[in-house]
């Protein structure tokens, strides 16, 4: 089944939304230590991708409107969603154990 998207960013956003429940279930099954490791790894990946985005800006480019950055915009959205899933669950666990 083929699904049409107007942009790579839109496709990545849909992917993030669709994978969210599966990601959350997987994260919930992790121990506190492994959840922290996932959180930290996702933070590091986000920082790398965000640096790519910010580097384009420092070169005087506007990646939000340039077609050649559409895939990076989508990746940034996807990585943000994955990072936020881990951060939300980690915050929830830390609050419940406090």
C-alpha atoms as a PDB file:
ATOM      1  CA  UNK A   1       0.000   0.000   0.000  1.00  0.00           C
ATOM      2  CA  UNK A   2       1.526   3.309  -1.099  1.00  0.00           C
ATOM      3  CA  UNK A   3       0.872   6.444   0.885  1.00  0.00           C
ATOM      4  CA  UNK A   4       1.416   9.827  -0.693  1.00  0.00           C
ATOM      5  CA  UNK A   5       2.979  12.704   1.230  1.00  0.00           C
ATOM      6  CA  UNK A   6       3.536  16.272   0.166  1.00  0.00           C
ATOM      7  CA  UNK A   7       7.045  16.264   1.636  1.00  0.00           C
ATOM      8  CA  UNK A   8       9.681  14.116   3.265  1.00  0.00           C
ATOM      9  CA  UNK A   9       9.079  16.067   6.439  1.00  0.00           C
ATOM     10  CA  UNK A  10       5.390  15.187   6.391  1.00  0.00           C
ATOM     11  CA  UNK A  11       6.283  11.519   5.871  1.00  0.00           C
ATOM     12  CA  UNK A  12       8.698  11.597   8.820  1.00  0.00           C
ATOM     13  CA  UNK A  13       6.088  13.255  11.019  1.00  0.00           C
ATOM     14  CA  UNK A  14       3.567  10.553  10.124  1.00  0.00           C
ATOM     15  CA  UNK A  15       6.181   7.868  10.808  1.00  0.00           C
ATOM     16  CA  UNK A  16       6.908   9.391  14.214  1.00  0.00           C
ATOM     17  CA  UNK A  17       3.212   9.427  15.052  1.00  0.00           C
ATOM     18  CA  UNK A  18       2.664   5.866  13.877  1.00  0.00           C
ATOM     19  CA  UNK A  19       5.718   4.401  15.613  1.00  0.00           C
ATOM     20  CA  UNK A  20       5.101   6.357  18.839  1.00  0.00           C
ATOM     21  CA  UNK A  21       2.950   3.736  20.591  1.00  0.00           C
ATOM     22  CA  UNK A  22       5.385   0.949  19.680  1.00  0.00           C
ATOM     23  CA  UNK A  23       8.320   3.040  20.857  1.00  0.00           C
ATOM     24  CA  UNK A  24       6.561   3.862  24.131  1.00  0.00           C
ATOM     25  CA  UNK A  25       5.761   0.203  24.763  1.00  0.00           C
ATOM     26  CA  UNK A  26       9.362  -0.775  24.146  1.00  0.00           C
ATOM     27  CA  UNK A  27      10.652   1.961  26.411  1.00  0.00           C
ATOM     28  CA  UNK A  28       8.244   1.020  29.198  1.00  0.00           C
ATOM     29  CA  UNK A  29       9.634  -2.513  29.157  1.00  0.00           C
ATOM     30  CA  UNK A  30      13.165  -1.269  29.837  1.00  0.00           C
ATOM     31  CA  UNK A  31      14.802  -1.152  33.224  1.00  0.00           C
ATOM     32  CA  UNK A  32      15.515   2.278  34.668  1.00  0.00           C
ATOM     33  CA  UNK A  33      19.173   1.943  33.670  1.00  0.00           C
ATOM     34  CA  UNK A  34      18.377   0.982  30.093  1.00  0.00           C
ATOM     35  CA  UNK A  35      15.749   3.698  29.809  1.00  0.00           C
ATOM     36  CA  UNK A  36      18.355   6.249  30.913  1.00  0.00           C
ATOM     37  CA  UNK A  37      20.747   4.844  28.272  1.00  0.00           C
ATOM     38  CA  UNK A  38      18.062   5.177  25.596  1.00  0.00           C
ATOM     39  CA  UNK A  39      17.318   8.716  26.700  1.00  0.00           C
ATOM     40  CA  UNK A  40      20.984   9.688  26.593  1.00  0.00           C
ATOM     41  CA  UNK A  41      21.536   8.066  23.184  1.00  0.00           C
ATOM     42  CA  UNK A  42      18.494   9.820  21.749  1.00  0.00           C
ATOM     43  CA  UNK A  43      19.663  13.146  23.187  1.00  0.00           C
ATOM     44  CA  UNK A  44      23.046  12.628  21.544  1.00  0.00           C
ATOM     45  CA  UNK A  45      21.469  11.745  18.192  1.00  0.00           C
ATOM     46  CA  UNK A  46      19.187  14.770  18.390  1.00  0.00           C
ATOM     47  CA  UNK A  47      22.146  17.036  19.178  1.00  0.00           C
ATOM     48  CA  UNK A  48      23.998  15.723  16.122  1.00  0.00           C
ATOM     49  CA  UNK A  49      21.039  16.198  13.771  1.00  0.00           C
ATOM     50  CA  UNK A  50      20.224  19.593  15.256  1.00  0.00           C
ATOM     51  CA  UNK A  51      23.846  20.666  14.769  1.00  0.00           C
ATOM     52  CA  UNK A  52      23.530  19.837  11.069  1.00  0.00           C
ATOM     53  CA  UNK A  53      20.423  22.034  10.933  1.00  0.00           C
ATOM     54  CA  UNK A  54      22.056  24.877  12.861  1.00  0.00           C
ATOM     55  CA  UNK A  55      25.215  24.679  10.729  1.00  0.00           C
ATOM     56  CA  UNK A  56      23.117  25.392   7.654  1.00  0.00           C
ATOM     57  CA  UNK A  57      21.734  28.462   9.404  1.00  0.00           C
ATOM     58  CA  UNK A  58      25.202  29.703  10.351  1.00  0.00           C
ATOM     59  CA  UNK A  59      26.132  29.450   6.659  1.00  0.00           C
ATOM     60  CA  UNK A  60      23.371  31.941   5.941  1.00  0.00           C
ATOM     61  CA  UNK A  61      20.951  29.335   4.637  1.00  0.00           C
ATOM     62  CA  UNK A  62      17.348  28.900   5.688  1.00  0.00           C
ATOM     63  CA  UNK A  63      16.965  25.108   5.833  1.00  0.00           C
ATOM     64  CA  UNK A  64      13.247  25.373   6.602  1.00  0.00           C
ATOM     65  CA  UNK A  65      12.542  26.621   3.074  1.00  0.00           C
ATOM     66  CA  UNK A  66      15.259  24.885   1.038  1.00  0.00           C
ATOM     67  CA  UNK A  67      14.277  21.683  -0.735  1.00  0.00           C
ATOM     68  CA  UNK A  68      17.688  20.082  -0.235  1.00  0.00           C
ATOM     69  CA  UNK A  69      17.096  20.183   3.533  1.00  0.00           C
ATOM     70  CA  UNK A  70      13.674  18.501   3.441  1.00  0.00           C
ATOM     71  CA  UNK A  71      15.082  15.125   4.436  1.00  0.00           C
ATOM     72  CA  UNK A  72      17.035  16.692   7.301  1.00  0.00           C
ATOM     73  CA  UNK A  73      13.897  18.503   8.465  1.00  0.00           C
ATOM     74  CA  UNK A  74      12.042  15.198   8.491  1.00  0.00           C
ATOM     75  CA  UNK A  75      14.851  13.418  10.301  1.00  0.00           C
ATOM     76  CA  UNK A  76      14.958  16.207  12.859  1.00  0.00           C
ATOM     77  CA  UNK A  77      11.221  15.821  13.496  1.00  0.00           C
ATOM     78  CA  UNK A  78      11.497  12.043  13.811  1.00  0.00           C
ATOM     79  CA  UNK A  79      14.490  12.186  16.154  1.00  0.00           C
ATOM     80  CA  UNK A  80      12.752  14.866  18.228  1.00  0.00           C
ATOM     81  CA  UNK A  81       9.729  12.601  18.672  1.00  0.00           C
ATOM     82  CA  UNK A  82      11.894   9.645  19.693  1.00  0.00           C
ATOM     83  CA  UNK A  83      13.893  11.801  22.090  1.00  0.00           C
ATOM     84  CA  UNK A  84      10.724  13.230  23.615  1.00  0.00           C
ATOM     85  CA  UNK A  85       9.205   9.762  24.077  1.00  0.00           C
ATOM     86  CA  UNK A  86      12.180   8.683  26.165  1.00  0.00           C
ATOM     87  CA  UNK A  87      12.347  11.987  28.057  1.00  0.00           C
ATOM     88  CA  UNK A  88       8.648  11.879  28.926  1.00  0.00           C
ATOM     89  CA  UNK A  89       8.819   8.342  30.260  1.00  0.00           C
ATOM     90  CA  UNK A  90      12.024   9.023  32.166  1.00  0.00           C
ATOM     91  CA  UNK A  91      10.457  12.091  33.787  1.00  0.00           C
ATOM     92  CA  UNK A  92       7.378  10.050  34.662  1.00  0.00           C
ATOM     93  CA  UNK A  93       9.467   7.303  36.265  1.00  0.00           C
ATOM     94  CA  UNK A  94      11.615   9.741  38.201  1.00  0.00           C
ATOM     95  CA  UNK A  95       8.509  11.525  39.518  1.00  0.00           C
ATOM     96  CA  UNK A  96       6.897   8.276  40.633  1.00  0.00           C
ATOM     97  CA  UNK A  97      10.016   7.125  42.459  1.00  0.00           C
ATOM     98  CA  UNK A  98      10.547  10.433  44.256  1.00  0.00           C
END
